[in-house]
Amino acid sequence: IAGGLTTVIKKFALNTSIADHSYSGETLSAVAYQAIAITDVCRLNSAGQWAIADASTESTAAGLPGMATAAASSGATLICLTDGLMRDDDGWGGAMTVGATYFLSETAGDVTATRPSTTGAIVRPVGYAQAARVFCFKPSPYFHEVTT
């Protein structure tokens, strides 16, 4: 090829042996819009701040999702995992089902293995259980509203 061609190959590997309340993957730092707990699912709001997400309506479910890697108070800088693994030995409402798909919950900040079914709720897959206490946060950019 005239002028040459350069190829760069990068390998991305996740650390699967992470400690409690640790993470491995891609992150994004922004200001917390409100008080946020560790592992809360958030969304980047129109002001560029992390706000707690839920599946109740499109306005609280849409946008760039992230999972809080630590607790943060309103106005504090918060790092959210945007794609990767997060471990929480006492979270997610108990042990998760390995391999199961998890959705954004209608309960603010939570994930659920049960697909939302309330009319008007948003169905948005956000990840999978990699182990009983390790969540593979891999949110789908696609979602739909429950109509019946």
Protein backbone atom coordinates (compact mmCIF):
# COMPACT_ATOMS: atom_id res chain seq x y z
CA ILE A 1 0.00 0.00 0.00
CA ALA A 2 1.46 3.34 -1.01
CA GLY A 3 2.47 5.47 1.94
CA GLY A 4 2.62 2.50 4.29
CA LEU A 5 0.16 1.06 6.73
CA THR A 6 0.57 0.84 10.46
CA THR A 7 -1.42 -1.63 12.51
CA VAL A 8 -1.63 -1.43 16.26
CA ILE A 9 -3.02 -4.40 18.11
CA LYS A 10 -3.92 -3.94 21.74
CA LYS A 11 -4.93 -6.67 24.12
CA PHE A 12 -7.48 -5.80 26.79
CA ALA A 13 -7.62 -8.23 29.68
CA LEU A 14 -9.80 -7.97 32.77
CA ASN A 15 -8.46 -8.98 36.15
CA THR A 16 -10.91 -11.69 37.23
CA SER A 17 -9.41 -12.21 40.70
CA ILE A 18 -10.40 -8.87 42.18
CA ALA A 19 -10.89 -8.15 45.88
CA ASP A 20 -14.12 -7.06 47.55
CA HIS A 21 -15.20 -3.56 46.45
CA SER A 22 -12.63 -3.61 43.64
CA TYR A 23 -13.09 -3.35 39.90
CA SER A 24 -11.29 -3.95 36.63
CA GLY A 25 -12.19 -2.30 33.35
CA GLU A 26 -12.99 1.01 31.69
CA THR A 27 -14.00 3.94 33.89
CA LEU A 28 -15.18 7.53 33.59
CA SER A 29 -14.82 10.23 36.24
CA ALA A 30 -17.45 12.96 36.76
CA VAL A 31 -19.15 14.86 39.57
CA ALA A 32 -21.92 13.08 41.50
CA TYR A 33 -25.28 14.82 41.07
CA GLN A 34 -26.54 13.31 44.34
CA ALA A 35 -25.37 10.96 47.10
CA ILE A 36 -24.46 7.66 45.45
CA ALA A 37 -23.60 4.29 47.04
CA ILE A 38 -20.96 1.86 45.84
CA THR A 39 -22.30 -0.40 43.01
CA ASP A 40 -25.23 1.94 42.26
CA VAL A 41 -26.00 2.01 38.55
CA CYS A 42 -25.78 5.60 37.40
CA ARG A 43 -26.26 7.54 34.19
CA LEU A 44 -24.45 10.58 32.91
CA ASN A 45 -27.09 13.34 32.98
CA SER A 46 -27.33 16.34 30.63
CA ALA A 47 -25.10 18.39 32.98
CA GLY A 48 -22.34 15.75 32.68
CA GLN A 49 -22.86 14.49 36.23
CA TRP A 50 -23.44 10.98 37.52
CA ALA A 51 -27.08 10.54 38.64
CA ILE A 52 -28.64 7.34 39.99
CA ALA A 53 -30.41 5.41 37.22
CA ASP A 54 -33.57 3.32 37.36
CA ALA A 55 -35.84 1.58 34.88
CA SER A 56 -39.04 3.44 35.84
CA THR A 57 -38.98 5.80 32.85
CA GLU A 58 -36.84 6.50 29.80
CA SER A 59 -35.57 9.74 31.34
CA THR A 60 -34.03 7.85 34.28
CA ALA A 61 -32.77 4.88 32.25
CA ALA A 62 -31.33 6.38 29.06
CA GLY A 63 -27.85 7.76 28.50
CA LEU A 64 -24.34 6.58 29.27
CA PRO A 65 -24.52 4.11 32.18
CA GLY A 66 -21.89 3.50 34.82
CA MET A 67 -21.51 1.57 38.06
CA ALA A 68 -20.22 3.50 41.07
CA THR A 69 -16.84 2.18 42.21
CA ALA A 70 -17.17 3.92 45.60
CA ALA A 71 -19.69 5.91 47.59
CA ALA A 72 -19.82 9.63 46.83
CA SER A 73 -21.67 12.62 48.22
CA SER A 74 -23.38 15.20 46.03
CA GLY A 75 -20.76 17.38 44.33
CA ALA A 76 -17.89 14.93 44.90
CA THR A 77 -15.88 13.38 42.09
CA LEU A 78 -17.04 9.83 41.34
CA ILE A 79 -15.39 7.16 39.22
CA CYS A 80 -17.89 4.86 37.51
CA LEU A 81 -17.14 1.61 35.74
CA THR A 82 -18.48 1.82 32.18
CA ASP A 83 -17.43 -1.68 31.08
CA GLY A 84 -15.79 -4.33 33.23
CA LEU A 85 -15.94 -6.36 36.44
CA MET A 86 -16.99 -5.22 39.92
CA ARG A 87 -16.93 -7.34 43.07
CA ASP A 88 -19.12 -6.75 46.11
CA ASP A 89 -19.18 -9.52 48.69
CA ASP A 90 -22.21 -8.12 50.52
CA GLY A 91 -24.16 -6.46 47.72
CA TRP A 92 -26.62 -7.13 44.92
CA GLY A 93 -29.23 -8.46 47.34
CA GLY A 94 -27.37 -11.75 47.82
CA ALA A 95 -25.51 -14.20 45.64
CA MET A 96 -26.15 -13.78 41.93
CA THR A 97 -26.86 -16.59 39.47
CA VAL A 98 -23.66 -17.14 37.50
CA GLY A 99 -24.17 -16.49 33.79
CA ALA A 100 -27.57 -14.84 34.26
CA THR A 101 -28.43 -11.59 32.48
CA TYR A 102 -29.15 -8.68 34.80
CA PHE A 103 -31.27 -5.64 33.96
CA LEU A 104 -31.50 -2.10 35.26
CA SER A 105 -34.06 -2.29 38.08
CA GLU A 106 -37.06 -0.06 38.73
CA THR A 107 -35.48 0.38 42.18
CA ALA A 108 -33.04 3.28 41.90
CA GLY A 109 -29.44 2.18 41.44
CA ASP A 110 -30.14 -1.56 41.52
CA VAL A 111 -29.79 -4.43 39.08
CA THR A 112 -32.22 -7.33 38.84
CA ALA A 113 -32.33 -10.74 37.19
CA THR A 114 -36.04 -10.16 36.57
CA ARG A 115 -36.88 -8.27 33.39
CA PRO A 116 -38.96 -5.17 34.26
CA SER A 117 -42.60 -5.74 33.32
CA THR A 118 -44.48 -2.66 34.56
CA THR A 119 -46.14 -0.71 31.73
CA GLY A 120 -43.88 2.24 30.91
CA ALA A 121 -40.81 0.65 32.50
CA ILE A 122 -37.58 0.37 30.52
CA VAL A 123 -35.97 -3.00 29.78
CA ARG A 124 -32.22 -2.43 29.58
CA PRO A 125 -29.70 -5.24 30.08
CA VAL A 126 -26.71 -3.96 32.06
CA GLY A 127 -24.58 -7.05 32.59
CA TYR A 128 -24.08 -10.60 33.74
CA ALA A 129 -23.05 -12.46 36.86
CA GLN A 130 -19.48 -13.63 36.28
CA ALA A 131 -19.46 -15.23 39.74
CA ALA A 132 -21.82 -15.20 42.73
CA ARG A 133 -20.37 -11.85 43.87
CA VAL A 134 -18.66 -10.56 40.71
CA PHE A 135 -20.73 -8.54 38.27
CA CYS A 136 -19.70 -8.15 34.64
CA PHE A 137 -21.00 -4.64 33.88
CA LYS A 138 -21.56 -4.55 30.13
CA PRO A 139 -24.59 -2.31 29.56
CA SER A 140 -26.49 -2.45 26.32
CA PRO A 141 -26.87 0.82 24.43
CA TYR A 142 -30.32 -0.47 23.38
CA PHE A 143 -33.45 -0.59 25.49
CA HIS A 144 -37.21 -0.68 25.04
CA GLU A 145 -40.29 0.43 26.93
CA VAL A 146 -42.79 -2.09 28.27
CA THR A 147 -46.08 -1.33 26.50
CA THR A 148 -48.45 -4.01 27.83
